[in-house]
All heavy atoms as atom14 arrays in JSON, in Angstrom:
{
  "sequence": "QRLIEKGTIEVAPLAFMRGRTLNGSFIILDEAQNTTPEQMKM",
  "atom14_mask": [
    [1, 1, 1, 1, 1, 1, 1, 1, 1, 0, 0, 0, 0, 0],
    [1, 1, 1, 1, 1, 1, 1, 1, 1, 1, 1, 0, 0, 0],
    [1, 1, 1, 1, 1, 1, 1, 1, 0, 0, 0, 0, 0, 0],
    [1, 1, 1, 1, 1, 1, 1, 1, 0, 0, 0, 0, 0, 0],
    [1, 1, 1, 1, 1, 1, 1, 1, 1, 0, 0, 0, 0, 0],
    [1, 1, 1, 1, 1, 1, 1, 1, 1, 0, 0, 0, 0, 0],
    [1, 1, 1, 1, 0, 0, 0, 0, 0, 0, 0, 0, 0, 0],
    [1, 1, 1, 1, 1, 1, 1, 0, 0, 0, 0, 0, 0, 0],
    [1, 1, 1, 1, 1, 1, 1, 1, 0, 0, 0, 0, 0, 0],
    [1, 1, 1, 1, 1, 1, 1, 1, 1, 0, 0, 0, 0, 0],
    [1, 1, 1, 1, 1, 1, 1, 0, 0, 0, 0, 0, 0, 0],
    [1, 1, 1, 1, 1, 0, 0, 0, 0, 0, 0, 0, 0, 0],
    [1, 1, 1, 1, 1, 1, 1, 0, 0, 0, 0, 0, 0, 0],
    [1, 1, 1, 1, 1, 1, 1, 1, 0, 0, 0, 0, 0, 0],
    [1, 1, 1, 1, 1, 0, 0, 0, 0, 0, 0, 0, 0, 0],
    [1, 1, 1, 1, 1, 1, 1, 1, 1, 1, 1, 0, 0, 0],
    [1, 1, 1, 1, 1, 1, 1, 1, 0, 0, 0, 0, 0, 0],
    [1, 1, 1, 1, 1, 1, 1, 1, 1, 1, 1, 0, 0, 0],
    [1, 1, 1, 1, 0, 0, 0, 0, 0, 0, 0, 0, 0, 0],
    [1, 1, 1, 1, 1, 1, 1, 1, 1, 1, 1, 0, 0, 0],
    [1, 1, 1, 1, 1, 1, 1, 0, 0, 0, 0, 0, 0, 0],
    [1, 1, 1, 1, 1, 1, 1, 1, 0, 0, 0, 0, 0, 0],
    [1, 1, 1, 1, 1, 1, 1, 1, 0, 0, 0, 0, 0, 0],
    [1, 1, 1, 1, 0, 0, 0, 0, 0, 0, 0, 0, 0, 0],
    [1, 1, 1, 1, 1, 1, 0, 0, 0, 0, 0, 0, 0, 0],
    [1, 1, 1, 1, 1, 1, 1, 1, 1, 1, 1, 0, 0, 0],
    [1, 1, 1, 1, 1, 1, 1, 1, 0, 0, 0, 0, 0, 0],
    [1, 1, 1, 1, 1, 1, 1, 1, 0, 0, 0, 0, 0, 0],
    [1, 1, 1, 1, 1, 1, 1, 1, 0, 0, 0, 0, 0, 0],
    [1, 1, 1, 1, 1, 1, 1, 1, 0, 0, 0, 0, 0, 0],
    [1, 1, 1, 1, 1, 1, 1, 1, 1, 0, 0, 0, 0, 0],
    [1, 1, 1, 1, 1, 0, 0, 0, 0, 0, 0, 0, 0, 0],
    [1, 1, 1, 1, 1, 1, 1, 1, 1, 0, 0, 0, 0, 0],
    [1, 1, 1, 1, 1, 1, 1, 1, 0, 0, 0, 0, 0, 0],
    [1, 1, 1, 1, 1, 1, 1, 0, 0, 0, 0, 0, 0, 0],
    [1, 1, 1, 1, 1, 1, 1, 0, 0, 0, 0, 0, 0, 0],
    [1, 1, 1, 1, 1, 1, 1, 0, 0, 0, 0, 0, 0, 0],
    [1, 1, 1, 1, 1, 1, 1, 1, 1, 0, 0, 0, 0, 0],
    [1, 1, 1, 1, 1, 1, 1, 1, 1, 0, 0, 0, 0, 0],
    [1, 1, 1, 1, 1, 1, 1, 1, 0, 0, 0, 0, 0, 0],
    [1, 1, 1, 1, 1, 1, 1, 1, 1, 0, 0, 0, 0, 0],
    [1, 1, 1, 1, 1, 1, 1, 1, 0, 0, 0, 0, 0, 0]
  ],
  "atom14_positions": [
    [[-8.08, -2.43, -12.31], [-8.62, -2.57, -10.96], [-9.79, -3.53, -10.92], [-9.93, -4.33, -9.98], [-9.05, -1.19, -10.42], [-9.27, -1.17, -8.91], [-8.02, -1.55, -8.14], [-6.94, -1.02, -8.38], [-8.15, -2.5, -7.22], [0.0, 0.0, 0.0], [0.0, 0.0, 0.0], [0.0, 0.0, 0.0], [0.0, 0.0, 0.0], [0.0, 0.0, 0.0]],
    [[-10.65, -3.49, -11.94], [-11.78, -4.43, -11.99], [-11.3, -5.87, -12.05], [-11.84, -6.76, -11.37], [-12.67, -4.12, -13.21], [-13.59, -2.93, -13.02], [-14.68, -2.92, -14.08], [-14.13, -2.83, -15.43], [-13.88, -1.7, -16.07], [-14.1, -0.54, -15.47], [-13.4, -1.71, -17.3], [0.0, 0.0, 0.0], [0.0, 0.0, 0.0], [0.0, 0.0, 0.0]],
    [[-10.28, -6.12, -12.88], [-9.75, -7.49, -13.0], [-9.06, -7.94, -11.71], [-9.12, -9.12, -11.35], [-8.78, -7.56, -14.18], [-9.4, -7.38, -15.57], [-8.33, -7.33, -16.65], [-10.4, -8.51, -15.86], [0.0, 0.0, 0.0], [0.0, 0.0, 0.0], [0.0, 0.0, 0.0], [0.0, 0.0, 0.0], [0.0, 0.0, 0.0], [0.0, 0.0, 0.0]],
    [[-8.43, -7.0, -11.02], [-7.81, -7.33, -9.74], [-8.87, -7.68, -8.7], [-8.74, -8.66, -7.94], [-6.92, -6.16, -9.25], [-5.69, -6.03, -10.16], [-6.48, -6.37, -7.81], [-4.87, -4.77, -9.92], [0.0, 0.0, 0.0], [0.0, 0.0, 0.0], [0.0, 0.0, 0.0], [0.0, 0.0, 0.0], [0.0, 0.0, 0.0], [0.0, 0.0, 0.0]],
    [[-9.94, -6.9, -8.67], [-11.01, -7.16, -7.71], [-11.71, -8.49, -7.98], [-12.15, -9.17, -7.05], [-12.03, -6.01, -7.76], [-11.48, -4.7, -7.2], [-12.4, -3.52, -7.46], [-13.46, -3.73, -8.12], [-12.08, -2.4, -7.02], [0.0, 0.0, 0.0], [0.0, 0.0, 0.0], [0.0, 0.0, 0.0], [0.0, 0.0, 0.0], [0.0, 0.0, 0.0]],
    [[-11.81, -8.89, -9.25], [-12.42, -10.17, -9.61], [-11.48, -11.34, -9.36], [-11.91, -12.5, -9.4], [-12.81, -10.16, -11.09], [-14.0, -9.28, -11.42], [-14.17, -9.15, -12.93], [-14.34, -10.5, -13.6], [-14.54, -10.36, -15.08], [0.0, 0.0, 0.0], [0.0, 0.0, 0.0], [0.0, 0.0, 0.0], [0.0, 0.0, 0.0], [0.0, 0.0, 0.0]],
    [[-10.19, -11.05, -9.13], [-9.22, -12.12, -8.94], [-8.63, -12.63, -10.24], [-7.84, -13.58, -10.23], [0.0, 0.0, 0.0], [0.0, 0.0, 0.0], [0.0, 0.0, 0.0], [0.0, 0.0, 0.0], [0.0, 0.0, 0.0], [0.0, 0.0, 0.0], [0.0, 0.0, 0.0], [0.0, 0.0, 0.0], [0.0, 0.0, 0.0], [0.0, 0.0, 0.0]],
    [[-9.01, -12.01, -11.37], [-8.45, -12.42, -12.67], [-6.98, -12.03, -12.75], [-6.19, -12.71, -13.4], [-9.24, -11.75, -13.81], [-10.62, -12.1, -13.68], [-8.74, -12.22, -15.16], [0.0, 0.0, 0.0], [0.0, 0.0, 0.0], [0.0, 0.0, 0.0], [0.0, 0.0, 0.0], [0.0, 0.0, 0.0], [0.0, 0.0, 0.0], [0.0, 0.0, 0.0]],
    [[-6.64, -10.93, -12.1], [-5.24, -10.52, -11.98], [-4.89, -10.47, -10.5], [-5.61, -9.85, -9.7], [-4.98, -9.14, -12.62], [-5.23, -9.2, -14.13], [-3.54, -8.7, -12.35], [-5.05, -7.87, -14.83], [0.0, 0.0, 0.0], [0.0, 0.0, 0.0], [0.0, 0.0, 0.0], [0.0, 0.0, 0.0], [0.0, 0.0, 0.0], [0.0, 0.0, 0.0]],
    [[-3.82, -11.13, -10.14], [-3.36, -11.14, -8.75], [-1.95, -10.56, -8.7], [-1.07, -10.98, -9.44], [-3.34, -12.56, -8.2], [-2.81, -12.66, -6.78], [-2.76, -14.1, -6.27], [-3.27, -15.0, -6.97], [-2.19, -14.32, -5.18], [0.0, 0.0, 0.0], [0.0, 0.0, 0.0], [0.0, 0.0, 0.0], [0.0, 0.0, 0.0], [0.0, 0.0, 0.0]],
    [[-1.75, -9.58, -7.85], [-0.43, -8.99, -7.64], [-0.09, -9.19, -6.17], [-0.79, -8.68, -5.29], [-0.41, -7.49, -8.0], [1.01, -6.94, -7.92], [-0.99, -7.25, -9.38], [0.0, 0.0, 0.0], [0.0, 0.0, 0.0], [0.0, 0.0, 0.0], [0.0, 0.0, 0.0], [0.0, 0.0, 0.0], [0.0, 0.0, 0.0], [0.0, 0.0, 0.0]],
    [[0.96, -9.95, -5.9], [1.24, -10.33, -4.51], [2.73, -10.56, -4.3], [3.45, -10.88, -5.24], [0.47, -11.6, -4.15], [0.0, 0.0, 0.0], [0.0, 0.0, 0.0], [0.0, 0.0, 0.0], [0.0, 0.0, 0.0], [0.0, 0.0, 0.0], [0.0, 0.0, 0.0], [0.0, 0.0, 0.0], [0.0, 0.0, 0.0], [0.0, 0.0, 0.0]],
    [[3.2, -10.4, -3.06], [4.6, -10.71, -2.77], [4.87, -12.2, -2.91], [3.95, -13.03, -2.79], [4.78, -10.24, -1.32], [3.41, -10.2, -0.75], [2.49, -9.87, -1.88], [0.0, 0.0, 0.0], [0.0, 0.0, 0.0], [0.0, 0.0, 0.0], [0.0, 0.0, 0.0], [0.0, 0.0, 0.0], [0.0, 0.0, 0.0], [0.0, 0.0, 0.0]],
    [[6.11, -12.54, -3.16], [6.49, -13.93, -3.42], [6.12, -14.86, -2.27], [5.76, -16.02, -2.5], [8.01, -14.0, -3.68], [8.59, -15.38, -3.99], [7.94, -15.99, -5.22], [10.1, -15.27, -4.18], [0.0, 0.0, 0.0], [0.0, 0.0, 0.0], [0.0, 0.0, 0.0], [0.0, 0.0, 0.0], [0.0, 0.0, 0.0], [0.0, 0.0, 0.0]],
    [[6.15, -14.37, -1.03], [5.83, -15.21, 0.12], [4.42, -15.79, 0.02], [4.14, -16.86, 0.58], [5.97, -14.41, 1.41], [0.0, 0.0, 0.0], [0.0, 0.0, 0.0], [0.0, 0.0, 0.0], [0.0, 0.0, 0.0], [0.0, 0.0, 0.0], [0.0, 0.0, 0.0], [0.0, 0.0, 0.0], [0.0, 0.0, 0.0], [0.0, 0.0, 0.0]],
    [[3.52, -15.13, -0.71], [2.14, -15.59, -0.84], [2.01, -16.78, -1.78], [0.93, -17.36, -1.89], [1.25, -14.45, -1.33], [0.91, -13.41, -0.29], [1.77, -13.17, 0.78], [-0.25, -12.67, -0.39], [1.46, -12.21, 1.73], [-0.57, -11.71, 0.56], [0.3, -11.48, 1.63], [0.0, 0.0, 0.0], [0.0, 0.0, 0.0], [0.0, 0.0, 0.0]],
    [[3.09, -17.14, -2.49], [3.04, -18.23, -3.45], [3.25, -19.6, -2.8], [2.94, -20.63, -3.39], [4.1, -18.04, -4.53], [3.96, -16.78, -5.38], [2.43, -16.71, -6.32], [1.55, -15.43, -5.4], [0.0, 0.0, 0.0], [0.0, 0.0, 0.0], [0.0, 0.0, 0.0], [0.0, 0.0, 0.0], [0.0, 0.0, 0.0], [0.0, 0.0, 0.0]],
    [[3.77, -19.62, -1.59], [4.12, -20.89, -0.94], [2.89, -21.78, -0.76], [1.83, -21.31, -0.34], [4.77, -20.63, 0.41], [5.41, -21.87, 1.04], [6.16, -21.52, 2.31], [7.25, -20.58, 2.05], [8.45, -20.95, 1.6], [8.7, -22.22, 1.34], [9.39, -20.05, 1.4], [0.0, 0.0, 0.0], [0.0, 0.0, 0.0], [0.0, 0.0, 0.0]],
    [[3.04, -23.06, -1.11], [1.98, -24.03, -0.89], [0.89, -24.04, -1.94], [-0.06, -24.81, -1.84], [0.0, 0.0, 0.0], [0.0, 0.0, 0.0], [0.0, 0.0, 0.0], [0.0, 0.0, 0.0], [0.0, 0.0, 0.0], [0.0, 0.0, 0.0], [0.0, 0.0, 0.0], [0.0, 0.0, 0.0], [0.0, 0.0, 0.0], [0.0, 0.0, 0.0]],
    [[1.02, -23.23, -2.98], [-0.01, -23.14, -4.0], [0.39, -23.9, -5.27], [1.56, -24.13, -5.52], [-0.29, -21.68, -4.36], [-0.72, -20.82, -3.2], [-0.87, -19.37, -3.59], [-1.88, -19.18, -4.63], [-2.14, -18.01, -5.21], [-1.42, -16.94, -4.88], [-3.08, -17.9, -6.13], [0.0, 0.0, 0.0], [0.0, 0.0, 0.0], [0.0, 0.0, 0.0]],
    [[-0.62, -24.28, -6.08], [-0.39, -24.8, -7.42], [-1.19, -23.92, -8.36], [-2.4, -23.77, -8.21], [-0.86, -26.26, -7.56], [-0.12, -27.07, -6.64], [-0.63, -26.77, -8.97], [0.0, 0.0, 0.0], [0.0, 0.0, 0.0], [0.0, 0.0, 0.0], [0.0, 0.0, 0.0], [0.0, 0.0, 0.0], [0.0, 0.0, 0.0], [0.0, 0.0, 0.0]],
    [[-0.5, -23.32, -9.34], [-1.12, -22.32, -10.21], [-1.4, -22.92, -11.58], [-0.5, -23.11, -12.39], [-0.2, -21.1, -10.32], [0.14, -20.42, -8.98], [1.23, -19.37, -9.18], [-1.1, -19.8, -8.36], [0.0, 0.0, 0.0], [0.0, 0.0, 0.0], [0.0, 0.0, 0.0], [0.0, 0.0, 0.0], [0.0, 0.0, 0.0], [0.0, 0.0, 0.0]],
    [[-2.67, -23.25, -11.83], [-3.1, -23.8, -13.11], [-3.7, -22.7, -13.98], [-4.29, -21.74, -13.48], [-4.14, -24.9, -12.9], [-3.58, -26.11, -12.17], [-2.49, -26.58, -12.5], [-4.31, -26.6, -11.19], [0.0, 0.0, 0.0], [0.0, 0.0, 0.0], [0.0, 0.0, 0.0], [0.0, 0.0, 0.0], [0.0, 0.0, 0.0], [0.0, 0.0, 0.0]],
    [[-3.59, -22.86, -15.3], [-4.22, -21.94, -16.23], [-3.83, -20.49, -16.02], [-4.64, -19.6, -16.25], [0.0, 0.0, 0.0], [0.0, 0.0, 0.0], [0.0, 0.0, 0.0], [0.0, 0.0, 0.0], [0.0, 0.0, 0.0], [0.0, 0.0, 0.0], [0.0, 0.0, 0.0], [0.0, 0.0, 0.0], [0.0, 0.0, 0.0], [0.0, 0.0, 0.0]],
    [[-2.59, -20.26, -15.63], [-2.15, -18.92, -15.26], [-0.93, -18.47, -16.07], [-0.13, -19.3, -16.5], [-1.8, -18.86, -13.77], [-2.88, -19.27, -12.97], [0.0, 0.0, 0.0], [0.0, 0.0, 0.0], [0.0, 0.0, 0.0], [0.0, 0.0, 0.0], [0.0, 0.0, 0.0], [0.0, 0.0, 0.0], [0.0, 0.0, 0.0], [0.0, 0.0, 0.0]],
    [[-0.83, -17.17, -16.24], [0.39, -16.57, -16.78], [1.07, -15.92, -15.57], [0.57, -14.95, -15.02], [0.07, -15.51, -17.84], [1.25, -15.13, -18.7], [1.25, -15.4, -20.06], [2.37, -14.5, -18.15], [2.34, -15.04, -20.86], [3.45, -14.14, -18.93], [3.43, -14.42, -20.3], [0.0, 0.0, 0.0], [0.0, 0.0, 0.0], [0.0, 0.0, 0.0]],
    [[2.21, -16.48, -15.17], [2.84, -16.09, -13.91], [4.15, -15.36, -14.22], [4.97, -15.84, -14.99], [3.15, -17.33, -13.05], [1.94, -18.26, -13.0], [3.57, -16.93, -11.64], [2.29, -19.72, -12.82], [0.0, 0.0, 0.0], [0.0, 0.0, 0.0], [0.0, 0.0, 0.0], [0.0, 0.0, 0.0], [0.0, 0.0, 0.0], [0.0, 0.0, 0.0]],
    [[4.34, -14.21, -13.59], [5.56, -13.44, -13.76], [6.23, -13.23, -12.41], [5.6, -12.71, -11.48], [5.28, -12.07, -14.41], [4.65, -12.25, -15.79], [6.57, -11.25, -14.52], [4.18, -10.95, -16.43], [0.0, 0.0, 0.0], [0.0, 0.0, 0.0], [0.0, 0.0, 0.0], [0.0, 0.0, 0.0], [0.0, 0.0, 0.0], [0.0, 0.0, 0.0]],
    [[7.47, -13.67, -12.31], [8.29, -13.38, -11.13], [9.27, -12.29, -11.52], [10.16, -12.51, -12.34], [9.04, -14.63, -10.66], [10.1, -14.41, -9.56], [9.49, -13.79, -8.31], [10.82, -15.72, -9.23], [0.0, 0.0, 0.0], [0.0, 0.0, 0.0], [0.0, 0.0, 0.0], [0.0, 0.0, 0.0], [0.0, 0.0, 0.0], [0.0, 0.0, 0.0]],
    [[9.08, -11.11, -10.95], [9.9, -9.96, -11.28], [10.99, -9.77, -10.22], [10.83, -10.2, -9.08], [9.0, -8.72, -11.34], [9.68, -7.53, -12.01], [10.49, -7.76, -12.92], [9.38, -6.39, -11.63], [0.0, 0.0, 0.0], [0.0, 0.0, 0.0], [0.0, 0.0, 0.0], [0.0, 0.0, 0.0], [0.0, 0.0, 0.0], [0.0, 0.0, 0.0]],
    [[12.08, -9.13, -10.59], [13.21, -8.89, -9.67], [13.7, -10.2, -9.04], [13.98, -10.27, -7.84], [12.8, -7.89, -8.58], [12.43, -6.52, -9.11], [13.63, -5.73, -9.62], [14.76, -6.04, -9.23], [13.43, -4.8, -10.42], [0.0, 0.0, 0.0], [0.0, 0.0, 0.0], [0.0, 0.0, 0.0], [0.0, 0.0, 0.0], [0.0, 0.0, 0.0]],
    [[13.82, -11.22, -9.86], [14.15, -12.56, -9.36], [15.55, -12.66, -8.77], [15.86, -13.62, -8.05], [13.98, -13.59, -10.47], [0.0, 0.0, 0.0], [0.0, 0.0, 0.0], [0.0, 0.0, 0.0], [0.0, 0.0, 0.0], [0.0, 0.0, 0.0], [0.0, 0.0, 0.0], [0.0, 0.0, 0.0], [0.0, 0.0, 0.0], [0.0, 0.0, 0.0]],
    [[16.41, -11.68, -9.06], [17.75, -11.71, -8.45], [17.68, -11.58, -6.94], [18.63, -11.94, -6.24], [18.63, -10.59, -9.03], [18.34, -9.19, -8.53], [17.22, -8.51, -9.3], [16.62, -9.11, -10.18], [16.96, -7.26, -8.97], [0.0, 0.0, 0.0], [0.0, 0.0, 0.0], [0.0, 0.0, 0.0], [0.0, 0.0, 0.0], [0.0, 0.0, 0.0]],
    [[16.56, -11.13, -6.42], [16.41, -10.96, -4.97], [15.67, -12.11, -4.31], [15.2, -11.99, -3.17], [15.71, -9.63, -4.66], [16.63, -8.44, -4.92], [17.85, -8.55, -4.78], [16.06, -7.33, -5.33], [0.0, 0.0, 0.0], [0.0, 0.0, 0.0], [0.0, 0.0, 0.0], [0.0, 0.0, 0.0], [0.0, 0.0, 0.0], [0.0, 0.0, 0.0]],
    [[15.56, -13.23, -5.02], [15.1, -14.47, -4.39], [16.3, -15.23, -3.86], [17.41, -15.09, -4.37], [14.37, -15.37, -5.39], [15.3, -15.77, -6.43], [13.18, -14.67, -6.02], [0.0, 0.0, 0.0], [0.0, 0.0, 0.0], [0.0, 0.0, 0.0], [0.0, 0.0, 0.0], [0.0, 0.0, 0.0], [0.0, 0.0, 0.0], [0.0, 0.0, 0.0]],
    [[16.07, -16.04, -2.85], [17.1, -17.0, -2.42], [16.96, -18.24, -3.29], [15.92, -18.44, -3.94], [16.91, -17.38, -0.95], [15.65, -18.07, -0.82], [16.92, -16.14, -0.05], [0.0, 0.0, 0.0], [0.0, 0.0, 0.0], [0.0, 0.0, 0.0], [0.0, 0.0, 0.0], [0.0, 0.0, 0.0], [0.0, 0.0, 0.0], [0.0, 0.0, 0.0]],
    [[17.96, -19.11, -3.32], [17.81, -20.36, -4.08], [16.59, -21.17, -3.64], [15.92, -21.78, -4.47], [19.12, -21.11, -3.79], [20.12, -20.02, -3.53], [19.35, -18.95, -2.8], [0.0, 0.0, 0.0], [0.0, 0.0, 0.0], [0.0, 0.0, 0.0], [0.0, 0.0, 0.0], [0.0, 0.0, 0.0], [0.0, 0.0, 0.0], [0.0, 0.0, 0.0]],
    [[16.3, -21.14, -2.33], [15.14, -21.88, -1.81], [13.83, -21.27, -2.33], [12.9, -22.0, -2.71], [15.15, -21.89, -0.29], [16.3, -22.66, 0.34], [17.63, -21.89, 0.34], [17.61, -20.66, 0.06], [18.68, -22.52, 0.58], [0.0, 0.0, 0.0], [0.0, 0.0, 0.0], [0.0, 0.0, 0.0], [0.0, 0.0, 0.0], [0.0, 0.0, 0.0]],
    [[13.76, -19.96, -2.36], [12.56, -19.29, -2.87], [12.38, -19.54, -4.36], [11.26, -19.73, -4.84], [12.65, -17.79, -2.61], [12.45, -17.39, -1.16], [12.68, -15.9, -0.95], [13.57, -15.3, -1.58], [11.9, -15.3, -0.07], [0.0, 0.0, 0.0], [0.0, 0.0, 0.0], [0.0, 0.0, 0.0], [0.0, 0.0, 0.0], [0.0, 0.0, 0.0]],
    [[13.47, -19.55, -5.11], [13.38, -19.81, -6.54], [12.84, -21.21, -6.8], [11.94, -21.4, -7.64], [14.75, -19.64, -7.21], [14.76, -19.93, -8.7], [13.75, -18.78, -9.67], [14.89, -17.38, -9.76], [0.0, 0.0, 0.0], [0.0, 0.0, 0.0], [0.0, 0.0, 0.0], [0.0, 0.0, 0.0], [0.0, 0.0, 0.0], [0.0, 0.0, 0.0]],
    [[13.35, -22.18, -6.07], [12.85, -23.56, -6.22], [11.38, -23.62, -5.86], [10.58, -24.27, -6.56], [13.67, -24.51, -5.35], [13.21, -25.96, -5.45], [14.03, -26.86, -4.54], [13.52, -28.3, -4.59], [14.28, -29.2, -3.67], [0.0, 0.0, 0.0], [0.0, 0.0, 0.0], [0.0, 0.0, 0.0], [0.0, 0.0, 0.0], [0.0, 0.0, 0.0]],
    [[11.0, -22.98, -4.75], [9.61, -22.96, -4.33], [8.72, -22.38, -5.42], [7.68, -22.93, -5.76], [9.46, -22.15, -3.04], [8.03, -22.0, -2.52], [7.1, -20.62, -3.24], [7.98, -19.2, -2.53], [0.0, 0.0, 0.0], [0.0, 0.0, 0.0], [0.0, 0.0, 0.0], [0.0, 0.0, 0.0], [0.0, 0.0, 0.0], [0.0, 0.0, 0.0]]
  ]
}
């Protein structure tokens, strides 16, 4: 919870990823079978 509050860990729905560039991050997309092809590319 402390790391989440500091922003060191971010847990968010996929829609929140649009328009961003994620540097220096370890990114996990879970349940990816429920993305559309457009969302996967995004």
